[in-house]
Amino acid sequence: MTAAQLLPATPQFDAALRVVERLREAGYEAYLAGGCVRDMLLGRAPSDFDVATSATPDVVLGLFERTFAVGACFGVVLVADGDRDGYVTTEVATFRSDGAYSDGRHPDAVRYANSAEEDVKRRDFTINGLMMDPYRCKGPQAGTLRNSVIDFVGGVPDLEAGVIRAIGRAEDRFEEDHLRMLRGVRFAARFGFELEAETKLAMQRLAVRLQAVSRERVRDELTRMLTEGRARRAFELLDETGLLKEVLPEVARMKGVEQPSQYHPEGDVWMHTLGLLGQLEEGCSMTLAWGALLHDVGKPSTIRRAPDRIRFDGHVDVGVAMAAEICRRFRFSNEETRQTLVLVKNHMRFADAERMKASTLKRFFRLDDFEEHLALHKMDCLAGSGNLDHWEFVRERWQAMPEEIVRPKPLITGRELIAAGYVPGAQFKQMLREVEDAQLEGTIATADEALRLVRERFQ
């Protein structure tokens, strides 16, 4: 972070500047605030820009032509900038000082604050408590970030030191909104920062409070951790703070579950799972990320020490059932649940691919988003023995096989069976399945051959 960093030039930034300018022309204080200031100082491109102001929501609503009072009861208004060809929105929040948080999420009462400093001190972490006056720069440093920053809470030194520190007393901040504990872990992982000692200790003391947070909010934070490119570090911190066993006890139970060393030199199920998380790239799909996290979730419940080696008989089926419960608990969508469970269910099938019949292999390739199955298996191998033979075999066959071979047009349907004199019923499904198997195997290729096969096998 240097004083020479320049202010960004983006439509979102320009729109936020116009909001600040209009508010100031009307006689109110206005600053860029929060994560956008943090990200600019870190050299990252902010996804959006927020404005903090002394103007109350009714004033903001009256000053701008197009507004949305999405959170006016909490002092928040969205201001739209642009035309019918497209516009960007800027979140404008009135300086406020929150009262008590009885529900661990929302303040019981919101009082508008008299100063920017009072507003900042009710925020979560010092690095998120920075404000910026884009018009403050003068002289040779005009237009640079550092001279524009207003820091009431020591956020700049913490950014420079790579520290996540709660503003004020950490336990007070986490009692106000319990989800802040997960957010702190996510920020530490995302930026490669450390948790400040008292902040980390407060997380350990209050971890159980996460039980009161809505499952949807927890799910969203965990998904961000899994898909921001630093999933391994995030879950290591979840474990260190005691938060993991509160939000995902099934994953916490992976620790200490031994695996056969010839296949898993990396260690227990927990270390193996961390190995997969460490390979998740920023922006990966949430289903691949959750599939990687949960692919071996059934192992702790199925471990058996046989005379020859450690076994996990049935761990896939048990894991699918456990993953289904986790998806239900976190209220995944039907499609998110389906794909996550299919990934868990099929992650061991690659080992059988070379022995599969052609029809079975082609049906394997028909799984939706088969690229995710390949990606999960590769991560699984690299986090263990490192042997990619099964992955290479499947990938080569999949890439070489045209879609029309994997999903050929059916030779016959129920209509042809009825025309041939068969009575519709449950047996139709079996008939058509056997015809399709033979077609996929390459033993039949015409409708006449399909009907002949049906006549031979079904009287």
Protein backbone atom coordinates (compact mmCIF):
# COMPACT_ATOMS: atom_id res chain seq x y z
CA MET A 1 0.00 0.00 0.00
CA THR A 2 1.62 3.23 -1.11
CA ALA A 3 0.73 6.90 -1.18
CA ALA A 4 1.09 6.84 -4.96
CA GLN A 5 -1.97 4.65 -5.50
CA LEU A 6 -4.48 6.49 -7.66
CA LEU A 7 -8.21 6.63 -7.33
CA PRO A 8 -9.96 4.16 -9.67
CA ALA A 9 -11.72 5.17 -12.87
CA THR A 10 -14.84 3.01 -13.18
CA PRO A 11 -18.55 3.75 -13.73
CA GLN A 12 -19.29 2.60 -10.18
CA PHE A 13 -16.65 4.86 -8.68
CA ASP A 14 -17.76 7.82 -10.79
CA ALA A 15 -21.38 7.27 -9.75
CA ALA A 16 -20.38 7.20 -6.07
CA LEU A 17 -18.41 10.42 -6.51
CA ARG A 18 -21.46 12.12 -7.98
CA VAL A 19 -23.49 11.01 -4.96
CA VAL A 20 -20.86 12.43 -2.60
CA GLU A 21 -20.72 15.66 -4.55
CA ARG A 22 -24.50 16.13 -4.56
CA LEU A 23 -24.77 15.48 -0.82
CA ARG A 24 -22.02 17.98 -0.10
CA GLU A 25 -23.56 20.60 -2.32
CA ALA A 26 -26.68 20.22 -0.18
CA GLY A 27 -24.62 20.91 2.96
CA TYR A 28 -24.10 17.37 4.30
CA GLU A 29 -21.02 15.32 5.11
CA ALA A 30 -20.43 12.41 2.74
CA TYR A 31 -17.60 9.90 2.36
CA LEU A 32 -16.83 6.63 0.66
CA ALA A 33 -16.88 4.01 3.39
CA GLY A 34 -16.18 0.43 4.34
CA GLY A 35 -15.00 -2.39 2.09
CA CYS A 36 -14.45 -0.27 -1.00
CA VAL A 37 -11.85 1.83 0.84
CA ARG A 38 -10.18 -1.30 2.21
CA ASP A 39 -10.03 -2.94 -1.22
CA MET A 40 -8.63 0.16 -2.93
CA LEU A 41 -5.86 0.39 -0.34
CA LEU A 42 -5.07 -3.28 -0.93
CA GLY A 43 -4.90 -2.71 -4.68
CA ARG A 44 -8.08 -4.70 -5.31
CA ALA A 45 -10.96 -3.61 -7.52
CA PRO A 46 -14.04 -3.02 -5.34
CA SER A 47 -17.22 -4.70 -6.54
CA ASP A 48 -19.25 -1.71 -5.36
CA PHE A 49 -18.88 1.61 -3.56
CA ASP A 50 -20.79 2.64 -0.43
CA VAL A 51 -21.33 6.17 0.82
CA ALA A 52 -21.77 7.22 4.46
CA THR A 53 -23.43 10.57 5.08
CA SER A 54 -24.89 12.84 7.73
CA ALA A 55 -28.03 13.21 5.56
CA THR A 56 -31.03 11.24 6.83
CA PRO A 57 -32.84 8.80 4.49
CA ASP A 58 -35.71 11.20 3.79
CA VAL A 59 -33.18 13.81 2.67
CA VAL A 60 -31.38 11.29 0.43
CA LEU A 61 -34.68 10.18 -1.09
CA GLY A 62 -35.48 13.79 -1.91
CA LEU A 63 -32.09 14.74 -3.35
CA PHE A 64 -31.86 12.07 -6.04
CA GLU A 65 -34.21 11.30 -8.89
CA ARG A 66 -34.05 7.50 -8.80
CA THR A 67 -33.80 5.86 -5.38
CA PHE A 68 -34.80 2.64 -3.64
CA ALA A 69 -35.58 2.66 0.07
CA VAL A 70 -34.40 -0.92 0.60
CA GLY A 71 -33.26 -0.38 4.18
CA ALA A 72 -34.52 3.04 5.14
CA CYS A 73 -35.46 1.81 8.61
CA PHE A 74 -31.74 1.17 9.14
CA GLY A 75 -30.71 4.38 7.41
CA VAL A 76 -29.90 2.81 4.01
CA VAL A 77 -31.01 4.03 0.57
CA LEU A 78 -29.89 2.89 -2.89
CA VAL A 79 -29.24 5.66 -5.39
CA ALA A 80 -29.37 4.69 -9.07
CA ASP A 81 -27.18 6.48 -11.62
CA GLY A 82 -27.53 6.06 -15.38
CA ASP A 83 -30.21 5.81 -18.04
CA ARG A 84 -32.45 3.19 -19.62
CA ASP A 85 -29.43 1.60 -21.31
CA GLY A 86 -28.07 0.69 -17.91
CA TYR A 87 -27.35 2.09 -14.49
CA VAL A 88 -25.32 1.40 -11.38
CA THR A 89 -26.46 1.75 -7.80
CA THR A 90 -24.67 3.27 -4.83
CA GLU A 91 -25.62 2.33 -1.28
CA VAL A 92 -25.99 5.45 0.85
CA ALA A 93 -26.13 4.96 4.63
CA THR A 94 -26.81 7.63 7.22
CA PHE A 95 -24.30 7.92 10.08
CA ARG A 96 -25.78 5.88 12.89
CA SER A 97 -25.16 4.48 16.34
CA ASP A 98 -26.90 1.18 16.97
CA GLY A 99 -28.60 0.21 20.20
CA ALA A 100 -28.60 -3.26 21.74
CA TYR A 101 -28.83 -6.37 19.50
CA SER A 102 -31.27 -8.72 21.24
CA ASP A 103 -31.46 -11.15 18.31
CA GLY A 104 -27.74 -11.26 17.57
CA ARG A 105 -28.25 -9.67 14.17
CA HIS A 106 -30.38 -6.50 14.10
CA PRO A 107 -30.11 -3.51 16.46
CA ASP A 108 -33.20 -3.08 18.64
CA ALA A 109 -33.13 0.61 17.78
CA VAL A 110 -31.21 2.76 15.33
CA ARG A 111 -30.13 6.24 16.35
CA TYR A 112 -28.63 8.54 13.78
CA ALA A 113 -25.15 9.59 14.84
CA ASN A 114 -23.75 13.08 15.00
CA SER A 115 -20.40 12.27 13.42
CA ALA A 116 -18.59 9.95 11.05
CA GLU A 117 -16.39 8.78 13.92
CA GLU A 118 -19.40 7.60 15.92
CA ASP A 119 -20.69 5.75 12.86
CA VAL A 120 -17.40 3.96 12.26
CA LYS A 121 -17.14 2.69 15.83
CA ARG A 122 -20.27 0.55 15.51
CA ARG A 123 -18.79 -1.35 12.50
CA ASP A 124 -17.18 -4.81 12.69
CA PHE A 125 -13.42 -4.78 11.94
CA THR A 126 -10.88 -2.00 11.76
CA ILE A 127 -10.04 -2.68 8.13
CA ASN A 128 -13.74 -2.20 7.31
CA GLY A 129 -14.02 0.98 9.37
CA LEU A 130 -12.13 3.26 7.00
CA MET A 131 -13.64 6.23 5.20
CA MET A 132 -12.32 8.19 2.29
CA ASP A 133 -12.75 11.81 1.25
CA PRO A 134 -12.05 11.78 -2.50
CA TYR A 135 -11.89 15.59 -2.54
CA ARG A 136 -9.48 15.89 0.38
CA CYS A 137 -6.28 15.58 -1.65
CA LYS A 138 -4.41 18.71 -2.58
CA GLY A 139 -1.06 19.56 -4.01
CA PRO A 140 1.31 16.93 -5.43
CA GLN A 141 -0.64 14.08 -3.83
CA ALA A 142 -3.97 15.07 -5.39
CA GLY A 143 -5.90 12.03 -6.52
CA THR A 144 -4.00 9.52 -4.38
CA LEU A 145 -5.63 7.14 -1.94
CA ARG A 146 -3.56 7.44 1.21
CA ASN A 147 -4.10 11.18 1.65
CA SER A 148 -7.82 10.67 1.18
CA VAL A 149 -8.31 8.12 3.97
CA ILE A 150 -9.99 8.99 7.26
CA ASP A 151 -9.05 6.42 9.92
CA PHE A 152 -10.64 6.66 13.38
CA VAL A 153 -9.98 3.05 14.44
CA GLY A 154 -6.47 2.10 13.34
CA GLY A 155 -7.57 0.30 10.20
CA VAL A 156 -4.64 1.49 8.06
CA PRO A 157 -1.94 0.10 10.41
CA ASP A 158 -3.87 -3.19 10.60
CA LEU A 159 -4.03 -3.37 6.81
CA GLU A 160 -0.30 -2.79 6.66
CA ALA A 161 0.34 -5.42 9.34
CA GLY A 162 -2.10 -7.94 7.85
CA VAL A 163 -4.33 -8.16 10.92
CA ILE A 164 -8.07 -8.71 11.37
CA ARG A 165 -9.02 -6.85 14.56
CA ALA A 166 -12.50 -6.12 15.88
CA ILE A 167 -13.34 -2.47 16.49
CA GLY A 168 -13.44 -1.78 20.21
CA ARG A 169 -14.17 -4.79 22.41
CA ALA A 170 -14.35 -7.90 20.23
CA GLU A 171 -16.97 -9.67 22.33
CA ASP A 172 -19.29 -6.67 22.05
CA ARG A 173 -19.00 -6.67 18.25
CA PHE A 174 -19.72 -10.41 18.05
CA GLU A 175 -22.62 -10.23 20.49
CA GLU A 176 -24.16 -7.57 18.26
CA ASP A 177 -24.02 -9.78 15.17
CA HIS A 178 -22.83 -13.35 15.66
CA LEU A 179 -22.17 -13.79 11.93
CA ARG A 180 -19.28 -11.35 12.26
CA MET A 181 -17.20 -14.24 13.59
CA LEU A 182 -17.51 -16.07 10.27
CA ARG A 183 -16.91 -12.84 8.37
CA GLY A 184 -13.70 -12.29 10.32
CA VAL A 185 -12.46 -15.74 9.36
CA ARG A 186 -13.39 -15.14 5.73
CA PHE A 187 -11.55 -11.80 5.59
CA ALA A 188 -8.47 -13.33 7.21
CA ALA A 189 -8.41 -16.16 4.68
CA ARG A 190 -9.22 -13.96 1.67
CA PHE A 191 -6.44 -11.46 2.36
CA GLY A 192 -3.92 -13.87 3.92
CA PHE A 193 -4.17 -11.97 7.23
CA GLU A 194 -3.93 -13.18 10.83
CA LEU A 195 -6.65 -12.90 13.45
CA GLU A 196 -5.62 -10.50 16.22
CA ALA A 197 -5.27 -12.39 19.52
CA GLU A 198 -8.21 -10.88 21.42
CA THR A 199 -10.43 -11.10 18.36
CA LYS A 200 -9.60 -14.79 17.95
CA LEU A 201 -10.11 -15.46 21.65
CA ALA A 202 -13.53 -13.81 21.52
CA MET A 203 -14.47 -16.09 18.63
CA GLN A 204 -13.47 -19.14 20.66
CA ARG A 205 -15.50 -17.94 23.65
CA LEU A 206 -18.61 -17.08 21.63
CA ALA A 207 -18.53 -19.75 18.93
CA VAL A 208 -21.68 -21.41 20.26
CA ARG A 209 -23.61 -18.21 19.49
CA LEU A 210 -23.57 -19.21 15.81
CA GLN A 211 -26.34 -21.68 16.63
CA ALA A 212 -28.70 -18.69 16.76
CA VAL A 213 -27.77 -17.41 13.29
CA SER A 214 -30.06 -18.28 10.38
CA ARG A 215 -28.78 -21.22 8.38
CA GLU A 216 -29.05 -19.24 5.14
CA ARG A 217 -26.65 -16.56 6.40
CA VAL A 218 -24.20 -19.21 7.61
CA ARG A 219 -24.48 -21.06 4.28
CA ASP A 220 -23.70 -17.90 2.32
CA GLU A 221 -20.60 -17.13 4.39
CA LEU A 222 -19.32 -20.71 4.09
CA THR A 223 -19.93 -20.69 0.35
CA ARG A 224 -17.94 -17.46 0.01
CA MET A 225 -15.09 -19.05 1.97
CA LEU A 226 -15.17 -22.07 -0.32
CA THR A 227 -15.21 -20.12 -3.58
CA GLU A 228 -12.86 -17.18 -2.94
CA GLY A 229 -9.69 -19.16 -3.63
CA ARG A 230 -8.49 -19.52 -0.02
CA ALA A 231 -10.78 -22.30 1.18
CA ARG A 232 -8.10 -24.33 2.94
CA ARG A 233 -6.96 -21.40 5.10
CA ALA A 234 -10.56 -20.48 5.86
CA PHE A 235 -11.36 -23.96 7.18
CA GLU A 236 -8.13 -24.15 9.14
CA LEU A 237 -9.18 -20.92 10.88
CA LEU A 238 -12.71 -22.22 11.41
CA ASP A 239 -11.17 -25.18 13.20
CA GLU A 240 -8.73 -23.07 15.24
CA THR A 241 -11.50 -20.75 16.45
CA GLY A 242 -13.93 -23.55 17.35
CA LEU A 243 -16.44 -22.24 14.80
CA LEU A 244 -16.23 -25.35 12.61
CA LYS A 245 -17.82 -27.72 15.10
CA GLU A 246 -20.69 -25.30 15.57
CA VAL A 247 -21.57 -24.89 11.88
CA LEU A 248 -20.37 -28.19 10.37
CA PRO A 249 -19.88 -30.78 13.11
CA GLU A 250 -19.84 -33.52 10.46
CA VAL A 251 -16.70 -32.00 8.94
CA ALA A 252 -15.11 -31.39 12.34
CA ARG A 253 -15.43 -35.14 13.03
CA MET A 254 -13.03 -35.86 10.15
CA LYS A 255 -10.12 -34.88 12.40
CA GLY A 256 -8.16 -37.89 13.65
CA VAL A 257 -9.94 -40.40 11.38
CA GLU A 258 -7.04 -42.49 10.08
CA GLN A 259 -6.69 -43.63 6.48
CA PRO A 260 -4.51 -46.37 4.90
CA SER A 261 -1.12 -44.78 4.36
CA GLN A 262 -0.49 -46.50 1.02
CA TYR A 263 -3.40 -44.60 -0.48
CA HIS A 264 -3.36 -41.53 1.74
CA PRO A 265 0.18 -40.52 2.72
CA GLU A 266 -1.17 -37.06 3.54
CA GLY A 267 -2.79 -38.29 6.77
CA ASP A 268 -6.30 -38.42 8.18
CA VAL A 269 -9.59 -37.56 6.49
CA TRP A 270 -9.36 -33.96 7.69
CA MET A 271 -5.92 -33.44 6.13
CA HIS A 272 -7.12 -35.09 2.93
CA THR A 273 -10.15 -32.79 2.76
CA LEU A 274 -7.98 -29.74 3.38
CA GLY A 275 -5.85 -30.93 0.47
CA LEU A 276 -8.88 -30.71 -1.82
CA LEU A 277 -9.93 -27.32 -0.45
CA GLY A 278 -6.47 -26.00 -1.16
CA GLN A 279 -7.00 -26.72 -4.86
CA LEU A 280 -10.32 -24.89 -5.21
CA GLU A 281 -9.84 -21.91 -7.49
CA GLU A 282 -11.35 -18.50 -6.98
CA GLY A 283 -14.72 -18.34 -8.70
CA CYS A 284 -15.28 -22.11 -8.79
CA SER A 285 -18.88 -23.29 -8.68
CA MET A 286 -20.46 -23.64 -5.26
CA THR A 287 -21.51 -27.24 -6.04
CA LEU A 288 -17.94 -28.28 -6.86
CA ALA A 289 -16.74 -26.54 -3.70
CA TRP A 290 -19.33 -28.21 -1.45
CA GLY A 291 -18.75 -31.52 -3.23
CA ALA A 292 -15.04 -31.27 -2.42
CA LEU A 293 -15.80 -30.46 1.21
CA LEU A 294 -18.33 -33.27 1.67
CA HIS A 295 -17.06 -36.02 -0.65
CA ASP A 296 -15.69 -38.06 2.29
CA VAL A 297 -18.11 -36.88 4.97
CA GLY A 298 -19.29 -40.49 5.43
CA LYS A 299 -15.88 -41.85 6.41
CA PRO A 300 -15.91 -41.03 10.15
CA SER A 301 -19.13 -43.05 10.54
CA THR A 302 -17.93 -46.07 8.57
CA ILE A 303 -14.29 -46.59 9.59
CA ARG A 304 -13.43 -50.26 10.18
CA ARG A 305 -10.02 -51.66 11.02
CA ALA A 306 -9.89 -54.93 9.09
CA PRO A 307 -6.96 -57.38 9.39
CA ASP A 308 -5.47 -56.19 6.10
CA ARG A 309 -6.07 -52.43 6.34
CA ILE A 310 -8.42 -49.64 7.39
CA ARG A 311 -11.69 -49.75 5.46
CA PHE A 312 -14.64 -47.40 4.94
CA ASP A 313 -17.25 -49.80 3.64
CA GLY A 314 -20.37 -47.99 2.44
CA HIS A 315 -18.94 -44.54 3.11
CA VAL A 316 -20.28 -43.21 -0.19
CA ASP A 317 -23.91 -44.10 0.54
CA VAL A 318 -23.60 -42.84 4.12
CA GLY A 319 -21.91 -39.70 2.83
CA VAL A 320 -24.71 -39.00 0.37
CA ALA A 321 -27.28 -39.27 3.17
CA MET A 322 -25.24 -36.97 5.41
CA ALA A 323 -24.64 -34.48 2.61
CA ALA A 324 -28.37 -34.46 1.89
CA GLU A 325 -29.07 -33.53 5.51
CA ILE A 326 -26.47 -30.76 5.39
CA CYS A 327 -27.98 -29.38 2.18
CA ARG A 328 -31.42 -29.48 3.78
CA ARG A 329 -30.17 -27.80 6.93
CA PHE A 330 -28.57 -24.98 4.97
CA ARG A 331 -31.55 -24.70 2.63
CA PHE A 332 -29.72 -25.32 -0.62
CA SER A 333 -31.87 -25.02 -3.73
CA ASN A 334 -33.10 -28.25 -5.30
CA GLU A 335 -30.57 -27.95 -8.14
CA GLU A 336 -27.69 -27.14 -5.79
CA THR A 337 -28.61 -30.13 -3.64
CA ARG A 338 -28.95 -32.46 -6.62
CA GLN A 339 -25.54 -31.63 -8.10
CA THR A 340 -23.74 -31.70 -4.74
CA LEU A 341 -25.17 -35.14 -3.94
CA VAL A 342 -24.38 -36.48 -7.42
CA LEU A 343 -20.76 -35.39 -6.97
CA VAL A 344 -20.51 -37.16 -3.60
CA LYS A 345 -22.26 -40.27 -4.94
CA ASN A 346 -20.02 -40.70 -7.98
CA HIS A 347 -16.61 -39.63 -6.74
CA MET A 348 -15.40 -43.25 -6.36
CA ARG A 349 -16.61 -44.51 -9.76
CA PHE A 350 -13.49 -43.46 -11.64
CA ALA A 351 -11.62 -46.46 -10.21
CA ASP A 352 -14.06 -48.78 -12.03
CA ALA A 353 -14.06 -46.92 -15.36
CA GLU A 354 -11.62 -49.21 -17.19
CA ARG A 355 -13.78 -52.22 -16.36
CA MET A 356 -17.10 -50.58 -17.26
CA LYS A 357 -19.15 -51.79 -20.21
CA ALA A 358 -19.36 -49.23 -22.99
CA SER A 359 -23.00 -48.52 -22.08
CA THR A 360 -22.12 -47.95 -18.43
CA LEU A 361 -19.24 -45.63 -19.30
CA LYS A 362 -21.39 -43.60 -21.67
CA ARG A 363 -24.09 -43.23 -19.02
CA PHE A 364 -21.37 -42.07 -16.61
CA PHE A 365 -20.44 -39.38 -19.13
CA ARG A 366 -24.09 -38.27 -19.23
CA LEU A 367 -23.96 -36.92 -15.70
CA ASP A 368 -24.75 -33.21 -15.74
CA ASP A 369 -21.70 -30.93 -15.58
CA PHE A 370 -19.35 -33.87 -16.04
CA GLU A 371 -16.45 -31.41 -15.94
CA GLU A 372 -17.14 -31.03 -12.21
CA HIS A 373 -16.82 -34.79 -11.70
CA LEU A 374 -13.47 -34.74 -13.49
CA ALA A 375 -12.33 -31.76 -11.43
CA LEU A 376 -13.36 -33.36 -8.13
CA HIS A 377 -11.66 -36.66 -8.93
CA LYS A 378 -8.44 -34.92 -9.95
CA MET A 379 -8.39 -32.94 -6.70
CA ASP A 380 -9.15 -36.15 -4.79
CA CYS A 381 -6.17 -37.89 -6.37
CA LEU A 382 -3.75 -34.99 -5.93
CA ALA A 383 -4.73 -34.66 -2.27
CA GLY A 384 -3.90 -38.34 -1.76
CA SER A 385 -1.58 -40.70 -3.62
CA GLY A 386 -1.13 -38.36 -6.59
CA ASN A 387 -1.91 -41.18 -9.05
CA LEU A 388 -3.95 -39.76 -11.94
CA ASP A 389 -4.23 -42.93 -14.05
CA HIS A 390 -8.02 -43.31 -13.62
CA TRP A 391 -8.55 -39.60 -14.22
CA GLU A 392 -6.45 -39.67 -17.40
CA PHE A 393 -8.33 -42.69 -18.74
CA VAL A 394 -11.75 -41.16 -18.16
CA ARG A 395 -10.78 -37.70 -19.39
CA GLU A 396 -9.30 -39.07 -22.63
CA ARG A 397 -12.36 -41.25 -23.36
CA TRP A 398 -14.76 -38.43 -22.51
CA GLN A 399 -12.99 -35.90 -24.72
CA ALA A 400 -12.74 -38.35 -27.60
CA MET A 401 -16.38 -39.43 -27.55
CA PRO A 402 -18.80 -37.29 -29.60
CA GLU A 403 -22.08 -36.21 -28.01
CA GLU A 404 -24.12 -38.20 -30.52
CA ILE A 405 -22.34 -41.36 -29.38
CA VAL A 406 -22.91 -40.62 -25.70
CA ARG A 407 -26.55 -39.60 -26.23
CA PRO A 408 -27.68 -41.26 -29.47
CA LYS A 409 -31.21 -40.80 -30.77
CA PRO A 410 -33.39 -43.67 -29.45
CA LEU A 411 -33.94 -46.42 -32.01
CA ILE A 412 -37.50 -47.05 -30.77
CA THR A 413 -39.94 -45.59 -28.26
CA GLY A 414 -43.05 -46.84 -26.53
CA ARG A 415 -45.02 -45.96 -29.66
CA GLU A 416 -43.15 -48.59 -31.69
CA LEU A 417 -43.63 -51.15 -28.93
CA ILE A 418 -47.40 -50.57 -28.95
CA ALA A 419 -47.44 -50.84 -32.76
CA ALA A 420 -45.62 -54.17 -32.41
CA GLY A 421 -48.43 -55.46 -30.21
CA TYR A 422 -47.05 -54.93 -26.70
CA VAL A 423 -49.39 -53.67 -23.99
CA PRO A 424 -48.17 -50.54 -22.18
CA GLY A 425 -46.98 -51.23 -18.65
CA ALA A 426 -44.08 -51.25 -16.24
CA GLN A 427 -42.13 -53.63 -18.49
CA PHE A 428 -41.81 -50.95 -21.17
CA LYS A 429 -39.08 -49.23 -19.15
CA GLN A 430 -37.03 -52.44 -18.96
CA MET A 431 -37.53 -53.11 -22.67
CA LEU A 432 -36.35 -49.66 -23.69
CA ARG A 433 -33.45 -49.82 -21.25
CA GLU A 434 -32.17 -53.07 -22.78
CA VAL A 435 -32.55 -51.66 -26.27
CA GLU A 436 -30.58 -48.58 -25.26
CA ASP A 437 -27.89 -50.72 -23.61
CA ALA A 438 -27.43 -52.71 -26.81
CA GLN A 439 -27.36 -49.49 -28.84
CA LEU A 440 -24.71 -47.99 -26.57
CA GLU A 441 -22.70 -51.22 -26.73
CA GLY A 442 -22.84 -51.03 -30.53
CA THR A 443 -24.53 -54.40 -31.04
CA ILE A 444 -27.61 -52.92 -32.70
CA ALA A 445 -28.03 -49.85 -34.88
CA THR A 446 -31.52 -49.90 -36.42
CA ALA A 447 -35.14 -49.92 -35.31
CA ASP A 448 -35.65 -53.38 -36.82
CA GLU A 449 -32.73 -54.73 -34.79
CA ALA A 450 -34.18 -53.11 -31.69
CA LEU A 451 -37.59 -54.75 -32.16
CA ARG A 452 -35.93 -58.09 -32.89
CA LEU A 453 -34.05 -57.84 -29.60
CA VAL A 454 -37.28 -57.09 -27.74
CA ARG A 455 -39.01 -60.10 -29.30
CA GLU A 456 -36.11 -62.36 -28.33
CA ARG A 457 -35.99 -61.25 -24.72
CA PHE A 458 -39.61 -60.45 -23.92
CA GLN A 459 -42.38 -62.91 -24.84
